[in-house]
Amino acid sequence: MRTLCASTLIGEFFVIGFAGLVAMRTSDLSAGLVWTVSGTAMVLCLALAGVLSRPGAVGTGWALQVALIASGVVVPMMFFLGAVFAGLWWASVHYGRKIDEAKARHAASAAV
């Protein structure tokens, strides 16, 4: 699960950075505010990718997905991209857990 989720978060890191550039050009928000919010979200993506095995990491990832969709208020395309990444996040968690369970079953059967 960690590999799939981390890949999704790294993709989000880049999308958030590009959305920050768009927000700077198209919104009335100051560049400082845009980069404070975007930079914080980008750092959160990287930090979360490193601690995915800890309790609460998946829940924090879901909160990040909601924030990404909500950023569509400033950059309308983010409604779509946020929904896409929320779907990717769901798939990463869902199928990642299935893969982890299959690996554990395989390791248990090989040890016997």
PDB file of N, CA and C in Angstrom:
ATOM      1  N   MET A   1       0.823  -1.185   0.000  1.00  0.00           N
ATOM      2  CA  MET A   1       0.000   0.000   0.000  1.00  0.00           C
ATOM      3  C   MET A   1       0.869   1.252   0.000  1.00  0.00           C
ATOM      4  N   ARG A   2       1.976   1.187   0.725  1.00  0.00           N
ATOM      5  CA  ARG A   2       2.810   2.384   0.841  1.00  0.00           C
ATOM      6  C   ARG A   2       3.308   2.869  -0.509  1.00  0.00           C
ATOM      7  N   THR A   3       3.688   1.955  -1.371  1.00  0.00           N
ATOM      8  CA  THR A   3       4.232   2.350  -2.670  1.00  0.00           C
ATOM      9  C   THR A   3       3.174   3.042  -3.523  1.00  0.00           C
ATOM     10  N   LEU A   4       1.984   2.468  -3.587  1.00  0.00           N
ATOM     11  CA  LEU A   4       0.914   3.077  -4.381  1.00  0.00           C
ATOM     12  C   LEU A   4       0.506   4.432  -3.826  1.00  0.00           C
ATOM     13  N   CYS A   5       0.337   4.517  -2.516  1.00  0.00           N
ATOM     14  CA  CYS A   5      -0.078   5.776  -1.904  1.00  0.00           C
ATOM     15  C   CYS A   5       1.003   6.852  -2.052  1.00  0.00           C
ATOM     16  N   ALA A   6       2.256   6.451  -1.866  1.00  0.00           N
ATOM     17  CA  ALA A   6       3.349   7.409  -2.017  1.00  0.00           C
ATOM     18  C   ALA A   6       3.423   7.933  -3.447  1.00  0.00           C
ATOM     19  N   SER A   7       3.182   7.067  -4.418  1.00  0.00           N
ATOM     20  CA  SER A   7       3.187   7.503  -5.821  1.00  0.00           C
ATOM     21  C   SER A   7       2.086   8.523  -6.079  1.00  0.00           C
ATOM     22  N   THR A   8       0.922   8.289  -5.508  1.00  0.00           N
ATOM     23  CA  THR A   8      -0.187   9.232  -5.654  1.00  0.00           C
ATOM     24  C   THR A   8       0.177  10.576  -5.027  1.00  0.00           C
ATOM     25  N   LEU A   9       0.777  10.538  -3.841  1.00  0.00           N
ATOM     26  CA  LEU A   9       1.145  11.779  -3.158  1.00  0.00           C
ATOM     27  C   LEU A   9       2.218  12.556  -3.914  1.00  0.00           C
ATOM     28  N   ILE A  10       3.151  11.865  -4.522  1.00  0.00           N
ATOM     29  CA  ILE A  10       4.190  12.552  -5.305  1.00  0.00           C
ATOM     30  C   ILE A  10       3.559  13.210  -6.532  1.00  0.00           C
ATOM     31  N   GLY A  11       2.615  12.541  -7.167  1.00  0.00           N
ATOM     32  CA  GLY A  11       1.886  13.157  -8.280  1.00  0.00           C
ATOM     33  C   GLY A  11       1.132  14.398  -7.824  1.00  0.00           C
ATOM     34  N   GLU A  12       0.520  14.312  -6.660  1.00  0.00           N
ATOM     35  CA  GLU A  12      -0.205  15.466  -6.116  1.00  0.00           C
ATOM     36  C   GLU A  12       0.740  16.621  -5.818  1.00  0.00           C
ATOM     37  N   PHE A  13       1.943  16.308  -5.362  1.00  0.00           N
ATOM     38  CA  PHE A  13       2.942  17.336  -5.089  1.00  0.00           C
ATOM     39  C   PHE A  13       3.125  18.230  -6.316  1.00  0.00           C
ATOM     40  N   PHE A  14       3.299  17.608  -7.470  1.00  0.00           N
ATOM     41  CA  PHE A  14       3.510  18.375  -8.700  1.00  0.00           C
ATOM     42  C   PHE A  14       2.245  19.123  -9.130  1.00  0.00           C
ATOM     43  N   VAL A  15       1.099  18.480  -9.018  1.00  0.00           N
ATOM     44  CA  VAL A  15      -0.160  19.128  -9.401  1.00  0.00           C
ATOM     45  C   VAL A  15      -0.416  20.354  -8.519  1.00  0.00           C
ATOM     46  N   ILE A  16      -0.152  20.241  -7.231  1.00  0.00           N
ATOM     47  CA  ILE A  16      -0.340  21.383  -6.329  1.00  0.00           C
ATOM     48  C   ILE A  16       0.598  22.520  -6.708  1.00  0.00           C
ATOM     49  N   GLY A  17       1.835  22.188  -7.050  1.00  0.00           N
ATOM     50  CA  GLY A  17       2.787  23.220  -7.473  1.00  0.00           C
ATOM     51  C   GLY A  17       2.321  23.951  -8.722  1.00  0.00           C
ATOM     52  N   PHE A  18       1.856  23.197  -9.691  1.00  0.00           N
ATOM     53  CA  PHE A  18       1.363  23.822 -10.920  1.00  0.00           C
ATOM     54  C   PHE A  18       0.080  24.619 -10.667  1.00  0.00           C
ATOM     55  N   ALA A  19      -0.778  24.112  -9.785  1.00  0.00           N
ATOM     56  CA  ALA A  19      -1.998  24.850  -9.440  1.00  0.00           C
ATOM     57  C   ALA A  19      -1.645  26.157  -8.747  1.00  0.00           C
ATOM     58  N   GLY A  20      -0.579  26.152  -7.956  1.00  0.00           N
ATOM     59  CA  GLY A  20      -0.123  27.390  -7.321  1.00  0.00           C
ATOM     60  C   GLY A  20       0.303  28.425  -8.353  1.00  0.00           C
ATOM     61  N   LEU A  21       0.982  27.969  -9.384  1.00  0.00           N
ATOM     62  CA  LEU A  21       1.376  28.891 -10.461  1.00  0.00           C
ATOM     63  C   LEU A  21       0.150  29.474 -11.156  1.00  0.00           C
ATOM     64  N   VAL A  22      -0.840  28.630 -11.414  1.00  0.00           N
ATOM     65  CA  VAL A  22      -2.072  29.104 -12.052  1.00  0.00           C
ATOM     66  C   VAL A  22      -2.800  30.084 -11.140  1.00  0.00           C
ATOM     67  N   ALA A  23      -2.883  29.752  -9.854  1.00  0.00           N
ATOM     68  CA  ALA A  23      -3.582  30.622  -8.897  1.00  0.00           C
ATOM     69  C   ALA A  23      -2.911  31.990  -8.805  1.00  0.00           C
ATOM     70  N   MET A  24      -1.602  32.017  -8.895  1.00  0.00           N
ATOM     71  CA  MET A  24      -0.897  33.301  -8.847  1.00  0.00           C
ATOM     72  C   MET A  24      -1.290  34.201 -10.008  1.00  0.00           C
ATOM     73  N   ARG A  25      -1.479  33.601 -11.167  1.00  0.00           N
ATOM     74  CA  ARG A  25      -1.775  34.386 -12.370  1.00  0.00           C
ATOM     75  C   ARG A  25      -3.248  34.734 -12.510  1.00  0.00           C
ATOM     76  N   THR A  26      -4.136  33.875 -12.035  1.00  0.00           N
ATOM     77  CA  THR A  26      -5.553  34.059 -12.339  1.00  0.00           C
ATOM     78  C   THR A  26      -6.404  34.546 -11.169  1.00  0.00           C
ATOM     79  N   SER A  27      -5.869  34.550  -9.956  1.00  0.00           N
ATOM     80  CA  SER A  27      -6.685  34.963  -8.810  1.00  0.00           C
ATOM     81  C   SER A  27      -6.195  36.301  -8.266  1.00  0.00           C
ATOM     82  N   ASP A  28      -7.000  36.854  -7.390  1.00  0.00           N
ATOM     83  CA  ASP A  28      -6.636  38.112  -6.751  1.00  0.00           C
ATOM     84  C   ASP A  28      -5.836  37.900  -5.472  1.00  0.00           C
ATOM     85  N   LEU A  29      -5.498  36.675  -5.185  1.00  0.00           N
ATOM     86  CA  LEU A  29      -4.737  36.363  -3.979  1.00  0.00           C
ATOM     87  C   LEU A  29      -3.282  36.775  -4.154  1.00  0.00           C
ATOM     88  N   SER A  30      -2.657  37.156  -3.049  1.00  0.00           N
ATOM     89  CA  SER A  30      -1.250  37.551  -3.116  1.00  0.00           C
ATOM     90  C   SER A  30      -0.375  36.318  -3.344  1.00  0.00           C
ATOM     91  N   ALA A  31       0.765  36.556  -3.966  1.00  0.00           N
ATOM     92  CA  ALA A  31       1.694  35.459  -4.236  1.00  0.00           C
ATOM     93  C   ALA A  31       2.142  34.803  -2.931  1.00  0.00           C
ATOM     94  N   GLY A  32       2.326  35.606  -1.900  1.00  0.00           N
ATOM     95  CA  GLY A  32       2.738  35.057  -0.605  1.00  0.00           C
ATOM     96  C   GLY A  32       1.712  34.092  -0.036  1.00  0.00           C
ATOM     97  N   LEU A  33       0.448  34.463  -0.116  1.00  0.00           N
ATOM     98  CA  LEU A  33      -0.608  33.590   0.394  1.00  0.00           C
ATOM     99  C   LEU A  33      -0.711  32.312  -0.427  1.00  0.00           C
ATOM    100  N   VAL A  34      -0.651  32.472  -1.751  1.00  0.00           N
ATOM    101  CA  VAL A  34      -0.738  31.294  -2.626  1.00  0.00           C
ATOM    102  C   VAL A  34       0.383  30.319  -2.316  1.00  0.00           C
ATOM    103  N   TRP A  35       1.608  30.807  -2.162  1.00  0.00           N
ATOM    104  CA  TRP A  35       2.728  29.902  -1.935  1.00  0.00           C
ATOM    105  C   TRP A  35       2.791  29.397  -0.507  1.00  0.00           C
ATOM    106  N   THR A  36       2.224  30.142   0.429  1.00  0.00           N
ATOM    107  CA  THR A  36       2.137  29.613   1.792  1.00  0.00           C
ATOM    108  C   THR A  36       1.209  28.406   1.818  1.00  0.00           C
ATOM    109  N   VAL A  37       0.044  28.543   1.194  1.00  0.00           N
ATOM    110  CA  VAL A  37      -0.914  27.437   1.170  1.00  0.00           C
ATOM    111  C   VAL A  37      -0.398  26.298   0.289  1.00  0.00           C
ATOM    112  N   SER A  38       0.041  26.618  -0.911  1.00  0.00           N
ATOM    113  CA  SER A  38       0.528  25.583  -1.834  1.00  0.00           C
ATOM    114  C   SER A  38       1.775  24.892  -1.275  1.00  0.00           C
ATOM    115  N   GLY A  39       2.685  25.683  -0.755  1.00  0.00           N
ATOM    116  CA  GLY A  39       3.922  25.113  -0.201  1.00  0.00           C
ATOM    117  C   GLY A  39       3.655  24.200   0.982  1.00  0.00           C
ATOM    118  N   THR A  40       2.728  24.610   1.843  1.00  0.00           N
ATOM    119  CA  THR A  40       2.365  23.761   2.979  1.00  0.00           C
ATOM    120  C   THR A  40       1.767  22.442   2.500  1.00  0.00           C
ATOM    121  N   ALA A  41       0.884  22.513   1.511  1.00  0.00           N
ATOM    122  CA  ALA A  41       0.276  21.287   0.973  1.00  0.00           C
ATOM    123  C   ALA A  41       1.324  20.412   0.293  1.00  0.00           C
ATOM    124  N   MET A  42       2.264  21.030  -0.392  1.00  0.00           N
ATOM    125  CA  MET A  42       3.308  20.261  -1.066  1.00  0.00           C
ATOM    126  C   MET A  42       4.208  19.553  -0.044  1.00  0.00           C
ATOM    127  N   VAL A  43       4.586  20.275   1.015  1.00  0.00           N
ATOM    128  CA  VAL A  43       5.406  19.669   2.069  1.00  0.00           C
ATOM    129  C   VAL A  43       4.628  18.543   2.755  1.00  0.00           C
ATOM    130  N   LEU A  44       3.327  18.755   2.965  1.00  0.00           N
ATOM    131  CA  LEU A  44       2.496  17.717   3.567  1.00  0.00           C
ATOM    132  C   LEU A  44       2.489  16.461   2.686  1.00  0.00           C
ATOM    133  N   CYS A  45       2.416  16.629   1.386  1.00  0.00           N
ATOM    134  CA  CYS A  45       2.454  15.472   0.475  1.00  0.00           C
ATOM    135  C   CYS A  45       3.742  14.683   0.656  1.00  0.00           C
ATOM    136  N   LEU A  46       4.863  15.376   0.683  1.00  0.00           N
ATOM    137  CA  LEU A  46       6.153  14.696   0.820  1.00  0.00           C
ATOM    138  C   LEU A  46       6.291  14.035   2.183  1.00  0.00           C
ATOM    139  N   ALA A  47       5.890  14.758   3.237  1.00  0.00           N
ATOM    140  CA  ALA A  47       5.993  14.207   4.586  1.00  0.00           C
ATOM    141  C   ALA A  47       5.090  12.990   4.741  1.00  0.00           C
ATOM    142  N   LEU A  48       3.893  13.088   4.221  1.00  0.00           N
ATOM    143  CA  LEU A  48       2.940  11.990   4.318  1.00  0.00           C
ATOM    144  C   LEU A  48       3.431  10.765   3.546  1.00  0.00           C
ATOM    145  N   ALA A  49       4.079  10.994   2.422  1.00  0.00           N
ATOM    146  CA  ALA A  49       4.625   9.875   1.652  1.00  0.00           C
ATOM    147  C   ALA A  49       5.677   9.114   2.456  1.00  0.00           C
ATOM    148  N   GLY A  50       6.332   9.811   3.369  1.00  0.00           N
ATOM    149  CA  GLY A  50       7.363   9.171   4.185  1.00  0.00           C
ATOM    150  C   GLY A  50       6.849   8.468   5.428  1.00  0.00           C
ATOM    151  N   VAL A  51       5.626   8.766   5.844  1.00  0.00           N
ATOM    152  CA  VAL A  51       5.115   8.196   7.102  1.00  0.00           C
ATOM    153  C   VAL A  51       3.825   7.401   6.887  1.00  0.00           C
ATOM    154  N   LEU A  52       3.644   6.835   5.724  1.00  0.00           N
ATOM    155  CA  LEU A  52       2.402   6.144   5.404  1.00  0.00           C
ATOM    156  C   LEU A  52       2.130   4.920   6.268  1.00  0.00           C
ATOM    157  N   SER A  53       3.136   4.367   6.894  1.00  0.00           N
ATOM    158  CA  SER A  53       2.918   3.182   7.723  1.00  0.00           C
ATOM    159  C   SER A  53       2.445   3.544   9.134  1.00  0.00           C
ATOM    160  N   ARG A  54       2.434   4.817   9.457  1.00  0.00           N
ATOM    161  CA  ARG A  54       2.018   5.237  10.799  1.00  0.00           C
ATOM    162  C   ARG A  54       0.503   5.388  10.889  1.00  0.00           C
ATOM    163  N   PRO A  55      -0.020   5.209  12.104  1.00  0.00           N
ATOM    164  CA  PRO A  55      -1.470   5.369  12.289  1.00  0.00           C
ATOM    165  C   PRO A  55      -1.921   6.792  11.932  1.00  0.00           C
ATOM    166  N   GLY A  56      -3.037   6.900  11.287  1.00  0.00           N
ATOM    167  CA  GLY A  56      -3.591   8.200  10.934  1.00  0.00           C
ATOM    168  C   GLY A  56      -3.124   8.754   9.602  1.00  0.00           C
ATOM    169  N   ALA A  57      -2.149   8.113   8.992  1.00  0.00           N
ATOM    170  CA  ALA A  57      -1.609   8.628   7.728  1.00  0.00           C
ATOM    171  C   ALA A  57      -2.641   8.566   6.611  1.00  0.00           C
ATOM    172  N   VAL A  58      -3.384   7.476   6.541  1.00  0.00           N
ATOM    173  CA  VAL A  58      -4.386   7.344   5.482  1.00  0.00           C
ATOM    174  C   VAL A  58      -5.493   8.373   5.691  1.00  0.00           C
ATOM    175  N   GLY A  59      -5.902   8.585   6.926  1.00  0.00           N
ATOM    176  CA  GLY A  59      -6.912   9.604   7.220  1.00  0.00           C
ATOM    177  C   GLY A  59      -6.433  11.001   6.863  1.00  0.00           C
ATOM    178  N   THR A  60      -5.177  11.286   7.144  1.00  0.00           N
ATOM    179  CA  THR A  60      -4.601  12.578   6.756  1.00  0.00           C
ATOM    180  C   THR A  60      -4.574  12.704   5.239  1.00  0.00           C
ATOM    181  N   GLY A  61      -4.302  11.604   4.569  1.00  0.00           N
ATOM    182  CA  GLY A  61      -4.332  11.605   3.103  1.00  0.00           C
ATOM    183  C   GLY A  61      -5.721  11.936   2.582  1.00  0.00           C
ATOM    184  N   TRP A  62      -6.757  11.394   3.234  1.00  0.00           N
ATOM    185  CA  TRP A  62      -8.127  11.729   2.828  1.00  0.00           C
ATOM    186  C   TRP A  62      -8.418  13.208   3.047  1.00  0.00           C
ATOM    187  N   ALA A  63      -7.931  13.765   4.137  1.00  0.00           N
ATOM    188  CA  ALA A  63      -8.126  15.197   4.392  1.00  0.00           C
ATOM    189  C   ALA A  63      -7.431  16.026   3.308  1.00  0.00           C
ATOM    190  N   LEU A  64      -6.276  15.575   2.879  1.00  0.00           N
ATOM    191  CA  LEU A  64      -5.568  16.256   1.797  1.00  0.00           C
ATOM    192  C   LEU A  64      -6.368  16.185   0.499  1.00  0.00           C
ATOM    193  N   GLN A  65      -7.019  15.055   0.247  1.00  0.00           N
ATOM    194  CA  GLN A  65      -7.838  14.922  -0.964  1.00  0.00           C
ATOM    195  C   GLN A  65      -9.005  15.911  -0.935  1.00  0.00           C
ATOM    196  N   VAL A  66      -9.636  16.037   0.225  1.00  0.00           N
ATOM    197  CA  VAL A  66     -10.752  16.987   0.362  1.00  0.00           C
ATOM    198  C   VAL A  66     -10.253  18.415   0.127  1.00  0.00           C
ATOM    199  N   ALA A  67      -9.095  18.748   0.693  1.00  0.00           N
ATOM    200  CA  ALA A  67      -8.533  20.086   0.497  1.00  0.00           C
ATOM    201  C   ALA A  67      -8.185  20.334  -0.968  1.00  0.00           C
ATOM    202  N   LEU A  68      -7.699  19.305  -1.641  1.00  0.00           N
ATOM    203  CA  LEU A  68      -7.353  19.435  -3.053  1.00  0.00           C
ATOM    204  C   LEU A  68      -8.601  19.722  -3.890  1.00  0.00           C
ATOM    205  N   ILE A  69      -9.694  19.026  -3.590  1.00  0.00           N
ATOM    206  CA  ILE A  69     -10.950  19.291  -4.303  1.00  0.00           C
ATOM    207  C   ILE A  69     -11.448  20.696  -3.976  1.00  0.00           C
ATOM    208  N   ALA A  70     -11.356  21.090  -2.705  1.00  0.00           N
ATOM    209  CA  ALA A  70     -11.821  22.420  -2.285  1.00  0.00           C
ATOM    210  C   ALA A  70     -11.005  23.538  -2.925  1.00  0.00           C
ATOM    211  N   SER A  71      -9.778  23.254  -3.323  1.00  0.00           N
ATOM    212  CA  SER A  71      -8.963  24.286  -3.967  1.00  0.00           C
ATOM    213  C   SER A  71      -9.533  24.693  -5.320  1.00  0.00           C
ATOM    214  N   GLY A  72     -10.527  23.951  -5.787  1.00  0.00           N
ATOM    215  CA  GLY A  72     -11.214  24.317  -7.021  1.00  0.00           C
ATOM    216  C   GLY A  72     -11.934  25.649  -6.916  1.00  0.00           C
ATOM    217  N   VAL A  73     -12.146  26.133  -5.708  1.00  0.00           N
ATOM    218  CA  VAL A  73     -12.747  27.455  -5.518  1.00  0.00           C
ATOM    219  C   VAL A  73     -11.832  28.526  -6.105  1.00  0.00           C
ATOM    220  N   VAL A  74     -10.523  28.319  -5.995  1.00  0.00           N
ATOM    221  CA  VAL A  74      -9.546  29.281  -6.514  1.00  0.00           C
ATOM    222  C   VAL A  74      -9.149  28.950  -7.943  1.00  0.00           C
ATOM    223  N   VAL A  75      -8.900  27.680  -8.211  1.00  0.00           N
ATOM    224  CA  VAL A  75      -8.522  27.211  -9.555  1.00  0.00           C
ATOM    225  C   VAL A  75      -9.563  26.165  -9.961  1.00  0.00           C
ATOM    226  N   PRO A  76     -10.564  26.542 -10.746  1.00  0.00           N
ATOM    227  CA  PRO A  76     -11.679  25.636 -11.040  1.00  0.00           C
ATOM    228  C   PRO A  76     -11.286  24.253 -11.576  1.00  0.00           C
ATOM    229  N   MET A  77     -10.217  24.154 -12.299  1.00  0.00           N
ATOM    230  CA  MET A  77      -9.784  22.858 -12.819  1.00  0.00           C
ATOM    231  C   MET A  77      -9.451  21.881 -11.697  1.00  0.00           C
ATOM    232  N   MET A  78      -9.168  22.409 -10.506  1.00  0.00           N
ATOM    233  CA  MET A  78      -8.820  21.555  -9.379  1.00  0.00           C
ATOM    234  C   MET A  78     -10.016  20.754  -8.875  1.00  0.00           C
ATOM    235  N   PHE A  79     -11.239  21.178  -9.169  1.00  0.00           N
ATOM    236  CA  PHE A  79     -12.388  20.338  -8.832  1.00  0.00           C
ATOM    237  C   PHE A  79     -12.233  18.984  -9.533  1.00  0.00           C
ATOM    238  N   PHE A  80     -11.899  19.033 -10.815  1.00  0.00           N
ATOM    239  CA  PHE A  80     -11.718  17.814 -11.596  1.00  0.00           C
ATOM    240  C   PHE A  80     -10.470  17.053 -11.163  1.00  0.00           C
ATOM    241  N   LEU A  81      -9.326  17.757 -11.102  1.00  0.00           N
ATOM    242  CA  LEU A  81      -8.079  17.082 -10.746  1.00  0.00           C
ATOM    243  C   LEU A  81      -8.128  16.547  -9.320  1.00  0.00           C
ATOM    244  N   GLY A  82      -8.764  17.280  -8.422  1.00  0.00           N
ATOM    245  CA  GLY A  82      -8.911  16.799  -7.051  1.00  0.00           C
ATOM    246  C   GLY A  82      -9.728  15.525  -6.991  1.00  0.00           C
ATOM    247  N   ALA A  83     -10.797  15.476  -7.775  1.00  0.00           N
ATOM    248  CA  ALA A  83     -11.623  14.265  -7.824  1.00  0.00           C
ATOM    249  C   ALA A  83     -10.836  13.090  -8.416  1.00  0.00           C
ATOM    250  N   VAL A  84     -10.038  13.362  -9.429  1.00  0.00           N
ATOM    251  CA  VAL A  84      -9.207  12.309 -10.026  1.00  0.00           C
ATOM    252  C   VAL A  84      -8.227  11.771  -8.993  1.00  0.00           C
ATOM    253  N   PHE A  85      -7.558  12.667  -8.274  1.00  0.00           N
ATOM    254  CA  PHE A  85      -6.595  12.219  -7.274  1.00  0.00           C
ATOM    255  C   PHE A  85      -7.273  11.557  -6.083  1.00  0.00           C
ATOM    256  N   ALA A  86      -8.477  11.970  -5.743  1.00  0.00           N
ATOM    257  CA  ALA A  86      -9.223  11.273  -4.684  1.00  0.00           C
ATOM    258  C   ALA A  86      -9.523   9.843  -5.122  1.00  0.00           C
ATOM    259  N   GLY A  87      -9.877   9.669  -6.389  1.00  0.00           N
ATOM    260  CA  GLY A  87     -10.091   8.323  -6.921  1.00  0.00           C
ATOM    261  C   GLY A  87      -8.809   7.504  -6.913  1.00  0.00           C
ATOM    262  N   LEU A  88      -7.710   8.141  -7.281  1.00  0.00           N
ATOM    263  CA  LEU A  88      -6.419   7.447  -7.236  1.00  0.00           C
ATOM    264  C   LEU A  88      -6.038   7.083  -5.809  1.00  0.00           C
ATOM    265  N   TRP A  89      -6.332   7.992  -4.873  1.00  0.00           N
ATOM    266  CA  TRP A  89      -6.030   7.725  -3.465  1.00  0.00           C
ATOM    267  C   TRP A  89      -6.850   6.519  -2.980  1.00  0.00           C
ATOM    268  N   TRP A  90      -8.143   6.503  -3.323  1.00  0.00           N
ATOM    269  CA  TRP A  90      -8.975   5.373  -2.935  1.00  0.00           C
ATOM    270  C   TRP A  90      -8.415   4.072  -3.508  1.00  0.00           C
ATOM    271  N   ALA A  91      -8.083   4.098  -4.792  1.00  0.00           N
ATOM    272  CA  ALA A  91      -7.554   2.895  -5.443  1.00  0.00           C
ATOM    273  C   ALA A  91      -6.232   2.472  -4.815  1.00  0.00           C
ATOM    274  N   SER A  92      -5.385   3.430  -4.488  1.00  0.00           N
ATOM    275  CA  SER A  92      -4.092   3.111  -3.873  1.00  0.00           C
ATOM    276  C   SER A  92      -4.289   2.442  -2.520  1.00  0.00           C
ATOM    277  N   VAL A  93      -5.194   2.976  -1.722  1.00  0.00           N
ATOM    278  CA  VAL A  93      -5.454   2.392  -0.403  1.00  0.00           C
ATOM    279  C   VAL A  93      -6.124   1.030  -0.554  1.00  0.00           C
ATOM    280  N   HIS A  94      -7.172   0.965  -1.352  1.00  0.00           N
ATOM    281  CA  HIS A  94      -7.947  -0.261  -1.499  1.00  0.00           C
ATOM    282  C   HIS A  94      -7.115  -1.411  -2.073  1.00  0.00           C
ATOM    283  N   TYR A  95      -6.534  -1.180  -3.230  1.00  0.00           N
ATOM    284  CA  TYR A  95      -5.775  -2.248  -3.881  1.00  0.00           C
ATOM    285  C   TYR A  95      -4.426  -2.477  -3.210  1.00  0.00           C
ATOM    286  N   GLY A  96      -3.865  -1.436  -2.624  1.00  0.00           N
ATOM    287  CA  GLY A  96      -2.614  -1.603  -1.879  1.00  0.00           C
ATOM    288  C   GLY A  96      -2.782  -2.545  -0.704  1.00  0.00           C
ATOM    289  N   ARG A  97      -3.905  -2.411   0.006  1.00  0.00           N
ATOM    290  CA  ARG A  97      -4.177  -3.324   1.125  1.00  0.00           C
ATOM    291  C   ARG A  97      -4.382  -4.748   0.622  1.00  0.00           C
ATOM    292  N   LYS A  98      -5.061  -4.905  -0.500  1.00  0.00           N
ATOM    293  CA  LYS A  98      -5.259  -6.249  -1.072  1.00  0.00           C
ATOM    294  C   LYS A  98      -3.917  -6.873  -1.457  1.00  0.00           C
ATOM    295  N   ILE A  99      -3.045  -6.079  -2.035  1.00  0.00           N
ATOM    296  CA  ILE A  99      -1.720  -6.574  -2.414  1.00  0.00           C
ATOM    297  C   ILE A  99      -0.937  -6.970  -1.165  1.00  0.00           C
ATOM    298  N   ASP A 100      -0.981  -6.135  -0.121  1.00  0.00           N
ATOM    299  CA  ASP A 100      -0.280  -6.451   1.127  1.00  0.00           C
ATOM    300  C   ASP A 100      -0.798  -7.748   1.737  1.00  0.00           C
ATOM    301  N   GLU A 101      -2.122  -7.950   1.708  1.00  0.00           N
ATOM    302  CA  GLU A 101      -2.705  -9.184   2.238  1.00  0.00           C
ATOM    303  C   GLU A 101      -2.258 -10.393   1.417  1.00  0.00           C
ATOM    304  N   ALA A 102      -2.233 -10.249   0.109  1.00  0.00           N
ATOM    305  CA  ALA A 102      -1.793 -11.356  -0.753  1.00  0.00           C
ATOM    306  C   ALA A 102      -0.323 -11.682  -0.504  1.00  0.00           C
ATOM    307  N   LYS A 103       0.508 -10.671  -0.322  1.00  0.00           N
ATOM    308  CA  LYS A 103       1.921 -10.907  -0.029  1.00  0.00           C
ATOM    309  C   LYS A 103       2.078 -11.632   1.299  1.00  0.00           C
ATOM    310  N   ALA A 104       1.287 -11.239   2.299  1.00  0.00           N
ATOM    311  CA  ALA A 104       1.367 -11.877   3.606  1.00  0.00           C
ATOM    312  C   ALA A 104       0.931 -13.349   3.516  1.00  0.00           C
ATOM    313  N   ARG A 105      -0.140 -13.615   2.765  1.00  0.00           N
ATOM    314  CA  ARG A 105      -0.584 -15.002   2.581  1.00  0.00           C
ATOM    315  C   ARG A 105       0.487 -15.820   1.865  1.00  0.00           C
ATOM    316  N   HIS A 106       1.090 -15.232   0.867  1.00  0.00           N
ATOM    317  CA  HIS A 106       2.137 -15.938   0.118  1.00  0.00           C
ATOM    318  C   HIS A 106       3.342 -16.231   1.024  1.00  0.00           C
ATOM    319  N   ALA A 107       3.740 -15.253   1.811  1.00  0.00           N
ATOM    320  CA  ALA A 107       4.883 -15.446   2.722  1.00  0.00           C
ATOM    321  C   ALA A 107       4.552 -16.509   3.769  1.00  0.00           C
ATOM    322  N   ALA A 108       3.315 -16.514   4.261  1.00  0.00           N
ATOM    323  CA  ALA A 108       2.929 -17.509   5.257  1.00  0.00           C
ATOM    324  C   ALA A 108       2.916 -18.914   4.658  1.00  0.00           C
ATOM    325  N   SER A 109       2.449 -19.039   3.430  1.00  0.00           N
ATOM    326  CA  SER A 109       2.413 -20.359   2.805  1.00  0.00           C
ATOM    327  C   SER A 109       3.819 -20.835   2.422  1.00  0.00           C
ATOM    328  N   ALA A 110       4.689 -19.919   2.102  1.00  0.00           N
ATOM    329  CA  ALA A 110       6.065 -20.288   1.751  1.00  0.00           C
ATOM    330  C   ALA A 110       6.853 -20.687   2.988  1.00  0.00           C
ATOM    331  N   ALA A 111       6.492 -20.143   4.142  1.00  0.00           N
ATOM    332  CA  ALA A 111       7.209 -20.457   5.388  1.00  0.00           C
ATOM    333  C   ALA A 111       6.829 -21.822   5.937  1.00  0.00           C
ATOM    334  N   VAL A 112       5.691 -22.350   5.501  1.00  0.00           N
ATOM    335  CA  VAL A 112       5.225 -23.642   6.032  1.00  0.00           C
ATOM    336  C   VAL A 112       5.864 -24.784   5.325  1.00  0.00           C
TER     337      VAL A 112
END
